[in-house]
Structure formats: C-alpha cells, structure tokens
C-alpha cells in the first residue's frame, strides 16, 4: 500500500476557493430571493387593486340594475290603464 503525501497549502487553497464559491452562490441566491420577494409584493399590490376595481364595477352594475328597475316602475306607474281593456 502506497501512502500519498498531502499538500496542506494546496488543501487550504482549495478549501478557501470552494468556500468563496459557496459564499458567492449564497449571495447570488439571496439577491435573487430579494428580487422574487419584491415581485411577490408588487403582484399582491396589483391583485389588491384589481380586486378593488372588480368590486367597484360589481357595485356599479348592481346600482345600475337598481336604477333601471326603478325607472321601469316609474314608467309603469305613470301609464294610465284603460278601464275598458281586459286585464292581462
């Protein structure tokens, strides 16, 4: 069995290089996470604005339908019924 000589300086150099690579990757991932979190915040704000706009539109449509019904009732009550005409 042959024993291999270990180069301590080279081993430490490789360890430092690997640590630097891992630290660099960690920093990149942190930056990407911050970007993703910002995108999520912006999307949530846009969704809230959209939800508010949809709620306002639905309220306006309901109010419009109520006004149409009220107008029809007023028109119908304004008509005079011919007493000679049969009821339908």
PDB file of N, CA and C in Angstrom:
ATOM      1  N   UNK A   1       0.839  -1.173   0.000  1.00  0.00           N
ATOM      2  CA  UNK A   1       0.000   0.000   0.000  1.00  0.00           C
ATOM      3  C   UNK A   1       0.891   1.246   0.000  1.00  0.00           C
ATOM      4  N   UNK A   2       0.570   2.161  -0.941  1.00  0.00           N
ATOM      5  CA  UNK A   2       1.356   3.389  -1.052  1.00  0.00           C
ATOM      6  C   UNK A   2       0.684   4.521  -0.294  1.00  0.00           C
ATOM      7  N   UNK A   3       1.462   5.238   0.425  1.00  0.00           N
ATOM      8  CA  UNK A   3       0.937   6.411   1.117  1.00  0.00           C
ATOM      9  C   UNK A   3       1.106   7.628   0.222  1.00  0.00           C
ATOM     10  N   UNK A   4       0.107   8.479   0.257  1.00  0.00           N
ATOM     11  CA  UNK A   4       0.135   9.676  -0.566  1.00  0.00           C
ATOM     12  C   UNK A   4       0.476  10.863   0.316  1.00  0.00           C
ATOM     13  N   UNK A   5       1.339  11.708  -0.174  1.00  0.00           N
ATOM     14  CA  UNK A   5       1.713  12.888   0.580  1.00  0.00           C
ATOM     15  C   UNK A   5       0.643  13.962   0.391  1.00  0.00           C
ATOM     16  N   UNK A   6       0.219  14.560   1.477  1.00  0.00           N
ATOM     17  CA  UNK A   6      -0.823  15.589   1.442  1.00  0.00           C
ATOM     18  C   UNK A   6      -0.151  16.963   1.435  1.00  0.00           C
ATOM     19  N   UNK A   7      -0.570  17.776   0.467  1.00  0.00           N
ATOM     20  CA  UNK A   7      -0.059  19.147   0.382  1.00  0.00           C
ATOM     21  C   UNK A   7      -1.028  20.050   1.155  1.00  0.00           C
ATOM     22  N   UNK A   8      -0.642  20.394   2.368  1.00  0.00           N
ATOM     23  CA  UNK A   8      -1.505  21.171   3.252  1.00  0.00           C
ATOM     24  C   UNK A   8      -1.822  22.538   2.636  1.00  0.00           C
ATOM     25  N   UNK A   9      -0.837  23.200   2.082  1.00  0.00           N
ATOM     26  CA  UNK A   9      -1.076  24.525   1.483  1.00  0.00           C
ATOM     27  C   UNK A   9      -2.091  24.437   0.349  1.00  0.00           C
ATOM     28  N   UNK A  10      -1.927  23.446  -0.498  1.00  0.00           N
ATOM     29  CA  UNK A  10      -2.863  23.276  -1.622  1.00  0.00           C
ATOM     30  C   UNK A  10      -4.256  22.929  -1.111  1.00  0.00           C
ATOM     31  N   UNK A  11      -4.333  22.097  -0.078  1.00  0.00           N
ATOM     32  CA  UNK A  11      -5.631  21.737   0.503  1.00  0.00           C
ATOM     33  C   UNK A  11      -6.342  22.958   1.052  1.00  0.00           C
ATOM     34  N   UNK A  12      -5.606  23.831   1.764  1.00  0.00           N
ATOM     35  CA  UNK A  12      -6.211  25.041   2.297  1.00  0.00           C
ATOM     36  C   UNK A  12      -6.614  25.992   1.171  1.00  0.00           C
ATOM     37  N   UNK A  13      -5.800  26.060   0.136  1.00  0.00           N
ATOM     38  CA  UNK A  13      -6.140  26.916  -1.005  1.00  0.00           C
ATOM     39  C   UNK A  13      -7.434  26.430  -1.660  1.00  0.00           C
ATOM     40  N   UNK A  14      -7.550  25.124  -1.858  1.00  0.00           N
ATOM     41  CA  UNK A  14      -8.786  24.573  -2.443  1.00  0.00           C
ATOM     42  C   UNK A  14      -9.980  24.820  -1.533  1.00  0.00           C
ATOM     43  N   UNK A  15      -9.784  24.658  -0.231  1.00  0.00           N
ATOM     44  CA  UNK A  15     -10.880  24.896   0.716  1.00  0.00           C
ATOM     45  C   UNK A  15     -11.325  26.351   0.662  1.00  0.00           C
ATOM     46  N   UNK A  16     -10.360  27.292   0.600  1.00  0.00           N
ATOM     47  CA  UNK A  16     -10.723  28.718   0.505  1.00  0.00           C
ATOM     48  C   UNK A  16     -11.454  29.017  -0.800  1.00  0.00           C
ATOM     49  N   UNK A  17     -11.005  28.423  -1.889  1.00  0.00           N
ATOM     50  CA  UNK A  17     -11.663  28.635  -3.183  1.00  0.00           C
ATOM     51  C   UNK A  17     -13.093  28.095  -3.153  1.00  0.00           C
ATOM     52  N   UNK A  18     -13.271  26.914  -2.589  1.00  0.00           N
ATOM     53  CA  UNK A  18     -14.612  26.333  -2.503  1.00  0.00           C
ATOM     54  C   UNK A  18     -15.505  27.160  -1.595  1.00  0.00           C
ATOM     55  N   UNK A  19     -14.949  27.632  -0.478  1.00  0.00           N
ATOM     56  CA  UNK A  19     -15.727  28.478   0.423  1.00  0.00           C
ATOM     57  C   UNK A  19     -16.140  29.763  -0.281  1.00  0.00           C
ATOM     58  N   UNK A  20     -15.216  30.378  -1.017  1.00  0.00           N
ATOM     59  CA  UNK A  20     -15.531  31.609  -1.737  1.00  0.00           C
ATOM     60  C   UNK A  20     -16.612  31.357  -2.780  1.00  0.00           C
ATOM     61  N   UNK A  21     -16.546  30.217  -3.461  1.00  0.00           N
ATOM     62  CA  UNK A  21     -17.556  29.893  -4.474  1.00  0.00           C
ATOM     63  C   UNK A  21     -18.929  29.705  -3.822  1.00  0.00           C
ATOM     64  N   UNK A  22     -18.940  29.018  -2.682  1.00  0.00           N
ATOM     65  CA  UNK A  22     -20.210  28.792  -1.982  1.00  0.00           C
ATOM     66  C   UNK A  22     -20.763  30.112  -1.450  1.00  0.00           C
ATOM     67  N   UNK A  23     -19.900  30.960  -0.906  1.00  0.00           N
ATOM     68  CA  UNK A  23     -20.340  32.258  -0.393  1.00  0.00           C
ATOM     69  C   UNK A  23     -20.872  33.126  -1.532  1.00  0.00           C
ATOM     70  N   UNK A  24     -20.217  33.077  -2.686  1.00  0.00           N
ATOM     71  CA  UNK A  24     -20.686  33.845  -3.840  1.00  0.00           C
ATOM     72  C   UNK A  24     -22.047  33.341  -4.311  1.00  0.00           C
ATOM     73  N   UNK A  25     -22.214  32.036  -4.358  1.00  0.00           N
ATOM     74  CA  UNK A  25     -23.503  31.468  -4.756  1.00  0.00           C
ATOM     75  C   UNK A  25     -24.587  31.844  -3.758  1.00  0.00           C
ATOM     76  N   UNK A  26     -24.240  31.814  -2.443  1.00  0.00           N
ATOM     77  CA  UNK A  26     -25.200  32.210  -1.404  1.00  0.00           C
ATOM     78  C   UNK A  26     -25.641  33.651  -1.603  1.00  0.00           C
ATOM     79  N   UNK A  27     -24.678  34.535  -1.876  1.00  0.00           N
ATOM     80  CA  UNK A  27     -25.010  35.951  -2.075  1.00  0.00           C
ATOM     81  C   UNK A  27     -25.896  36.141  -3.295  1.00  0.00           C
ATOM     82  N   UNK A  28     -25.621  35.410  -4.366  1.00  0.00           N
ATOM     83  CA  UNK A  28     -26.455  35.485  -5.568  1.00  0.00           C
ATOM     84  C   UNK A  28     -27.871  34.996  -5.268  1.00  0.00           C
ATOM     85  N   UNK A  29     -27.978  33.904  -4.526  1.00  0.00           N
ATOM     86  CA  UNK A  29     -29.303  33.374  -4.179  1.00  0.00           C
ATOM     87  C   UNK A  29     -30.073  34.336  -3.283  1.00  0.00           C
ATOM     88  N   UNK A  30     -29.369  34.990  -2.359  1.00  0.00           N
ATOM     89  CA  UNK A  30     -30.029  35.997  -1.505  1.00  0.00           C
ATOM     90  C   UNK A  30     -30.565  37.144  -2.358  1.00  0.00           C
ATOM     91  N   UNK A  31     -29.764  37.596  -3.331  1.00  0.00           N
ATOM     92  CA  UNK A  31     -30.188  38.684  -4.207  1.00  0.00           C
ATOM     93  C   UNK A  31     -31.404  38.254  -5.031  1.00  0.00           C
ATOM     94  N   UNK A  32     -31.356  37.028  -5.566  1.00  0.00           N
ATOM     95  CA  UNK A  32     -32.494  36.528  -6.345  1.00  0.00           C
ATOM     96  C   UNK A  32     -33.740  36.397  -5.478  1.00  0.00           C
ATOM     97  N   UNK A  33     -33.558  35.982  -4.224  1.00  0.00           N
ATOM     98  CA  UNK A  33     -34.693  35.877  -3.310  1.00  0.00           C
ATOM     99  C   UNK A  33     -35.303  37.246  -3.046  1.00  0.00           C
ATOM    100  N   UNK A  34     -34.462  38.258  -2.851  1.00  0.00           N
ATOM    101  CA  UNK A  34     -34.986  39.614  -2.634  1.00  0.00           C
ATOM    102  C   UNK A  34     -35.772  40.100  -3.846  1.00  0.00           C
ATOM    103  N   UNK A  35     -35.256  39.810  -5.046  1.00  0.00           N
ATOM    104  CA  UNK A  35     -35.989  40.183  -6.263  1.00  0.00           C
ATOM    105  C   UNK A  35     -37.335  39.467  -6.332  1.00  0.00           C
ATOM    106  N   UNK A  36     -37.336  38.186  -6.009  1.00  0.00           N
ATOM    107  CA  UNK A  36     -38.584  37.410  -6.045  1.00  0.00           C
ATOM    108  C   UNK A  36     -39.576  37.943  -5.012  1.00  0.00           C
ATOM    109  N   UNK A  37     -39.080  38.269  -3.824  1.00  0.00           N
ATOM    110  CA  UNK A  37     -39.963  38.810  -2.780  1.00  0.00           C
ATOM    111  C   UNK A  37     -40.552  40.147  -3.217  1.00  0.00           C
ATOM    112  N   UNK A  38     -39.744  40.988  -3.855  1.00  0.00           N
ATOM    113  CA  UNK A  38     -40.238  42.275  -4.357  1.00  0.00           C
ATOM    114  C   UNK A  38     -41.305  42.048  -5.432  1.00  0.00           C
ATOM    115  N   UNK A  39     -41.083  41.088  -6.301  1.00  0.00           N
ATOM    116  CA  UNK A  39     -42.071  40.773  -7.337  1.00  0.00           C
ATOM    117  C   UNK A  39     -43.373  40.298  -6.707  1.00  0.00           C
ATOM    118  N   UNK A  40     -43.269  39.486  -5.684  1.00  0.00           N
ATOM    119  CA  UNK A  40     -44.471  38.995  -4.997  1.00  0.00           C
ATOM    120  C   UNK A  40     -45.228  40.161  -4.367  1.00  0.00           C
ATOM    121  N   UNK A  41     -44.485  41.090  -3.731  1.00  0.00           N
ATOM    122  CA  UNK A  41     -45.143  42.263  -3.138  1.00  0.00           C
ATOM    123  C   UNK A  41     -45.863  43.085  -4.209  1.00  0.00           C
ATOM    124  N   UNK A  42     -45.188  43.310  -5.338  1.00  0.00           N
ATOM    125  CA  UNK A  42     -45.802  44.089  -6.420  1.00  0.00           C
ATOM    126  C   UNK A  42     -47.030  43.385  -6.979  1.00  0.00           C
ATOM    127  N   UNK A  43     -46.944  42.066  -7.136  1.00  0.00           N
ATOM    128  CA  UNK A  43     -48.094  41.310  -7.648  1.00  0.00           C
ATOM    129  C   UNK A  43     -49.259  41.346  -6.668  1.00  0.00           C
ATOM    130  N   UNK A  44     -48.957  41.259  -5.383  1.00  0.00           N
ATOM    131  CA  UNK A  44     -50.035  41.331  -4.373  1.00  0.00           C
ATOM    132  C   UNK A  44     -50.716  42.692  -4.409  1.00  0.00           C
ATOM    133  N   UNK A  45     -49.916  43.754  -4.537  1.00  0.00           N
ATOM    134  CA  UNK A  45     -50.496  45.102  -4.620  1.00  0.00           C
ATOM    135  C   UNK A  45     -51.375  45.228  -5.863  1.00  0.00           C
ATOM    136  N   UNK A  46     -50.888  44.711  -6.989  1.00  0.00           N
ATOM    137  CA  UNK A  46     -51.674  44.767  -8.228  1.00  0.00           C
ATOM    138  C   UNK A  46     -52.959  43.957  -8.082  1.00  0.00           C
ATOM    139  N   UNK A  47     -52.864  42.811  -7.427  1.00  0.00           N
ATOM    140  CA  UNK A  47     -54.054  41.976  -7.218  1.00  0.00           C
ATOM    141  C   UNK A  47     -55.063  42.683  -6.321  1.00  0.00           C
ATOM    142  N   UNK A  48     -54.578  43.363  -5.289  1.00  0.00           N
ATOM    143  CA  UNK A  48     -55.488  44.115  -4.418  1.00  0.00           C
ATOM    144  C   UNK A  48     -56.180  45.234  -5.191  1.00  0.00           C
ATOM    145  N   UNK A  49     -55.422  45.929  -6.031  1.00  0.00           N
ATOM    146  CA  UNK A  49     -56.019  46.991  -6.841  1.00  0.00           C
ATOM    147  C   UNK A  49     -57.046  46.423  -7.812  1.00  0.00           C
ATOM    148  N   UNK A  50     -56.720  45.299  -8.418  1.00  0.00           N
ATOM    149  CA  UNK A  50     -57.652  44.659  -9.348  1.00  0.00           C
ATOM    150  C   UNK A  50     -58.911  44.200  -8.621  1.00  0.00           C
ATOM    151  N   UNK A  51     -58.740  43.613  -7.440  1.00  0.00           N
ATOM    152  CA  UNK A  51     -59.901  43.166  -6.656  1.00  0.00           C
ATOM    153  C   UNK A  51     -60.793  44.352  -6.293  1.00  0.00           C
ATOM    154  N   UNK A  52     -60.166  45.462  -5.924  1.00  0.00           N
ATOM    155  CA  UNK A  52     -60.947  46.662  -5.586  1.00  0.00           C
ATOM    156  C   UNK A  52     -61.691  47.176  -6.814  1.00  0.00           C
ATOM    157  N   UNK A  53     -61.044  47.164  -7.959  1.00  0.00           N
ATOM    158  CA  UNK A  53     -61.693  47.626  -9.193  1.00  0.00           C
ATOM    159  C   UNK A  53     -62.859  46.714  -9.563  1.00  0.00           C
ATOM    160  N   UNK A  54     -62.684  45.412  -9.407  1.00  0.00           N
ATOM    161  CA  UNK A  54     -63.761  44.466  -9.714  1.00  0.00           C
ATOM    162  C   UNK A  54     -64.934  44.685  -8.763  1.00  0.00           C
ATOM    163  N   UNK A  55     -64.643  44.884  -7.480  1.00  0.00           N
ATOM    164  CA  UNK A  55     -65.711  45.133  -6.506  1.00  0.00           C
ATOM    165  C   UNK A  55     -66.461  46.421  -6.844  1.00  0.00           C
ATOM    166  N   UNK A  56     -65.728  47.462  -7.229  1.00  0.00           N
ATOM    167  CA  UNK A  56     -66.374  48.732  -7.613  1.00  0.00           C
ATOM    168  C   UNK A  56     -67.249  48.537  -8.842  1.00  0.00           C
ATOM    169  N   UNK A  57     -66.748  47.791  -9.831  1.00  0.00           N
ATOM    170  CA  UNK A  57     -67.538  47.545 -11.041  1.00  0.00           C
ATOM    171  C   UNK A  57     -68.809  46.772 -10.702  1.00  0.00           C
ATOM    172  N   UNK A  58     -68.692  45.749  -9.860  1.00  0.00           N
ATOM    173  CA  UNK A  58     -69.872  44.969  -9.488  1.00  0.00           C
ATOM    174  C   UNK A  58     -70.879  45.832  -8.744  1.00  0.00           C
ATOM    175  N   UNK A  59     -70.384  46.696  -7.877  1.00  0.00           N
ATOM    176  CA  UNK A  59     -71.278  47.601  -7.151  1.00  0.00           C
ATOM    177  C   UNK A  59     -71.981  48.546  -8.134  1.00  0.00           C
ATOM    178  N   UNK A  60     -71.221  49.069  -9.094  1.00  0.00           N
ATOM    179  CA  UNK A  60     -71.810  49.977 -10.083  1.00  0.00           C
ATOM    180  C   UNK A  60     -72.847  49.257 -10.939  1.00  0.00           C
ATOM    181  N   UNK A  61     -72.569  48.008 -11.320  1.00  0.00           N
ATOM    182  CA  UNK A  61     -73.539  47.243 -12.110  1.00  0.00           C
ATOM    183  C   UNK A  61     -74.818  46.988 -11.315  1.00  0.00           C
ATOM    184  N   UNK A  62     -74.672  46.677 -10.030  1.00  0.00           N
ATOM    185  CA  UNK A  62     -75.848  46.452  -9.188  1.00  0.00           C
ATOM    186  C   UNK A  62     -76.655  47.743  -9.044  1.00  0.00           C
ATOM    187  N   UNK A  63     -75.957  48.851  -8.868  1.00  0.00           N
ATOM    188  CA  UNK A  63     -76.643  50.143  -8.753  1.00  0.00           C
ATOM    189  C   UNK A  63     -77.359  50.495 -10.058  1.00  0.00           C
ATOM    190  N   UNK A  64     -76.722  50.228 -11.188  1.00  0.00           N
ATOM    191  CA  UNK A  64     -77.341  50.485 -12.488  1.00  0.00           C
ATOM    192  C   UNK A  64     -78.598  49.631 -12.663  1.00  0.00           C
ATOM    193  N   UNK A  65     -78.520  48.375 -12.290  1.00  0.00           N
ATOM    194  CA  UNK A  65     -79.691  47.496 -12.398  1.00  0.00           C
ATOM    195  C   UNK A  65     -80.822  48.010 -11.511  1.00  0.00           C
ATOM    196  N   UNK A  66     -80.471  48.480 -10.305  1.00  0.00           N
ATOM    197  CA  UNK A  66     -81.490  49.034  -9.409  1.00  0.00           C
ATOM    198  C   UNK A  66     -82.135  50.266 -10.025  1.00  0.00           C
ATOM    199  N   UNK A  67     -81.327  51.131 -10.640  1.00  0.00           N
ATOM    200  CA  UNK A  67     -81.877  52.338 -11.261  1.00  0.00           C
ATOM    201  C   UNK A  67     -82.769  51.991 -12.456  1.00  0.00           C
ATOM    202  N   UNK A  68     -82.369  50.996 -13.256  1.00  0.00           N
ATOM    203  CA  UNK A  68     -83.225  50.555 -14.364  1.00  0.00           C
ATOM    204  C   UNK A  68     -84.570  50.035 -13.842  1.00  0.00           C
ATOM    205  N   UNK A  69     -84.526  49.226 -12.785  1.00  0.00           N
ATOM    206  CA  UNK A  69     -85.789  48.728 -12.208  1.00  0.00           C
ATOM    207  C   UNK A  69     -86.659  49.877 -11.720  1.00  0.00           C
ATOM    208  N   UNK A  70     -86.040  50.811 -11.035  1.00  0.00           N
ATOM    209  CA  UNK A  70     -86.788  51.961 -10.524  1.00  0.00           C
ATOM    210  C   UNK A  70     -87.405  52.764 -11.671  1.00  0.00           C
ATOM    211  N   UNK A  71     -86.658  52.964 -12.746  1.00  0.00           N
ATOM    212  CA  UNK A  71     -87.174  53.694 -13.904  1.00  0.00           C
ATOM    213  C   UNK A  71     -88.362  52.958 -14.512  1.00  0.00           C
ATOM    214  N   UNK A  72     -88.260  51.639 -14.643  1.00  0.00           N
ATOM    215  CA  UNK A  72     -89.364  50.856 -15.204  1.00  0.00           C
ATOM    216  C   UNK A  72     -90.601  50.936 -14.311  1.00  0.00           C
ATOM    217  N   UNK A  73     -90.386  50.906 -13.028  1.00  0.00           N
ATOM    218  CA  UNK A  73     -91.523  51.025 -12.102  1.00  0.00           C
ATOM    219  C   UNK A  73     -92.180  52.394 -12.253  1.00  0.00           C
ATOM    220  N   UNK A  74     -91.371  53.448 -12.327  1.00  0.00           N
ATOM    221  CA  UNK A  74     -91.921  54.794 -12.501  1.00  0.00           C
ATOM    222  C   UNK A  74     -92.652  54.934 -13.827  1.00  0.00           C
ATOM    223  N   UNK A  75     -92.095  54.348 -14.896  1.00  0.00           N
ATOM    224  CA  UNK A  75     -92.775  54.394 -16.197  1.00  0.00           C
ATOM    225  C   UNK A  75     -94.100  53.659 -16.139  1.00  0.00           C
ATOM    226  N   UNK A  76     -94.079  52.487 -15.509  1.00  0.00           N
ATOM    227  CA  UNK A  76     -95.306  51.692 -15.436  1.00  0.00           C
ATOM    228  C   UNK A  76     -96.368  52.402 -14.596  1.00  0.00           C
ATOM    229  N   UNK A  77     -95.965  53.022 -13.507  1.00  0.00           N
ATOM    230  CA  UNK A  77     -96.953  53.700 -12.669  1.00  0.00           C
ATOM    231  C   UNK A  77     -97.470  54.977 -13.332  1.00  0.00           C
ATOM    232  N   UNK A  78     -96.696  55.538 -14.270  1.00  0.00           N
ATOM    233  CA  UNK A  78     -97.123  56.757 -14.955  1.00  0.00           C
ATOM    234  C   UNK A  78     -98.147  56.466 -16.053  1.00  0.00           C
ATOM    235  N   UNK A  79     -98.201  55.247 -16.524  1.00  0.00           N
ATOM    236  CA  UNK A  79     -99.162  54.895 -17.573  1.00  0.00           C
ATOM    237  C   UNK A  79    -100.565  54.803 -16.981  1.00  0.00           C
ATOM    238  N   UNK A  80    -101.485  55.290 -17.734  1.00  0.00           N
ATOM    239  CA  UNK A  80    -102.888  55.152 -17.300  1.00  0.00           C
ATOM    240  C   UNK A  80    -103.449  53.902 -17.917  1.00  0.00           C
ATOM    241  N   UNK A  81    -104.146  53.156 -17.119  1.00  0.00           N
ATOM    242  CA  UNK A  81    -104.758  51.936 -17.610  1.00  0.00           C
ATOM    243  C   UNK A  81    -106.118  52.268 -18.193  1.00  0.00           C
ATOM    244  N   UNK A  82    -106.372  51.687 -19.356  1.00  0.00           N
ATOM    245  CA  UNK A  82    -107.683  51.847 -19.994  1.00  0.00           C
ATOM    246  C   UNK A  82    -108.652  50.933 -19.240  1.00  0.00           C
ATOM    247  N   UNK A  83    -109.647  51.526 -18.578  1.00  0.00           N
ATOM    248  CA  UNK A  83    -110.582  50.695 -17.812  1.00  0.00           C
ATOM    249  C   UNK A  83    -111.387  49.750 -18.693  1.00  0.00           C
ATOM    250  N   UNK A  84    -111.510  50.017 -19.978  1.00  0.00           N
ATOM    251  CA  UNK A  84    -112.278  49.160 -20.859  1.00  0.00           C
ATOM    252  C   UNK A  84    -111.454  47.971 -21.333  1.00  0.00           C
ATOM    253  N   UNK A  85    -110.141  48.071 -21.232  1.00  0.00           N
ATOM    254  CA  UNK A  85    -109.276  46.988 -21.699  1.00  0.00           C
ATOM    255  C   UNK A  85    -109.291  45.846 -20.687  1.00  0.00           C
ATOM    256  N   UNK A  86    -109.279  44.609 -21.197  1.00  0.00           N
ATOM    257  CA  UNK A  86    -109.267  43.472 -20.257  1.00  0.00           C
ATOM    258  C   UNK A  86    -107.921  43.388 -19.534  1.00  0.00           C
ATOM    259  N   UNK A  87    -107.954  42.888 -18.306  1.00  0.00           N
ATOM    260  CA  UNK A  87    -106.737  42.705 -17.525  1.00  0.00           C
ATOM    261  C   UNK A  87    -105.944  41.537 -18.098  1.00  0.00           C
ATOM    262  N   UNK A  88    -104.687  41.643 -18.065  1.00  0.00           N
ATOM    263  CA  UNK A  88    -103.858  40.550 -18.588  1.00  0.00           C
ATOM    264  C   UNK A  88    -103.025  39.953 -17.493  1.00  0.00           C
TER     265      UNK A  88
END
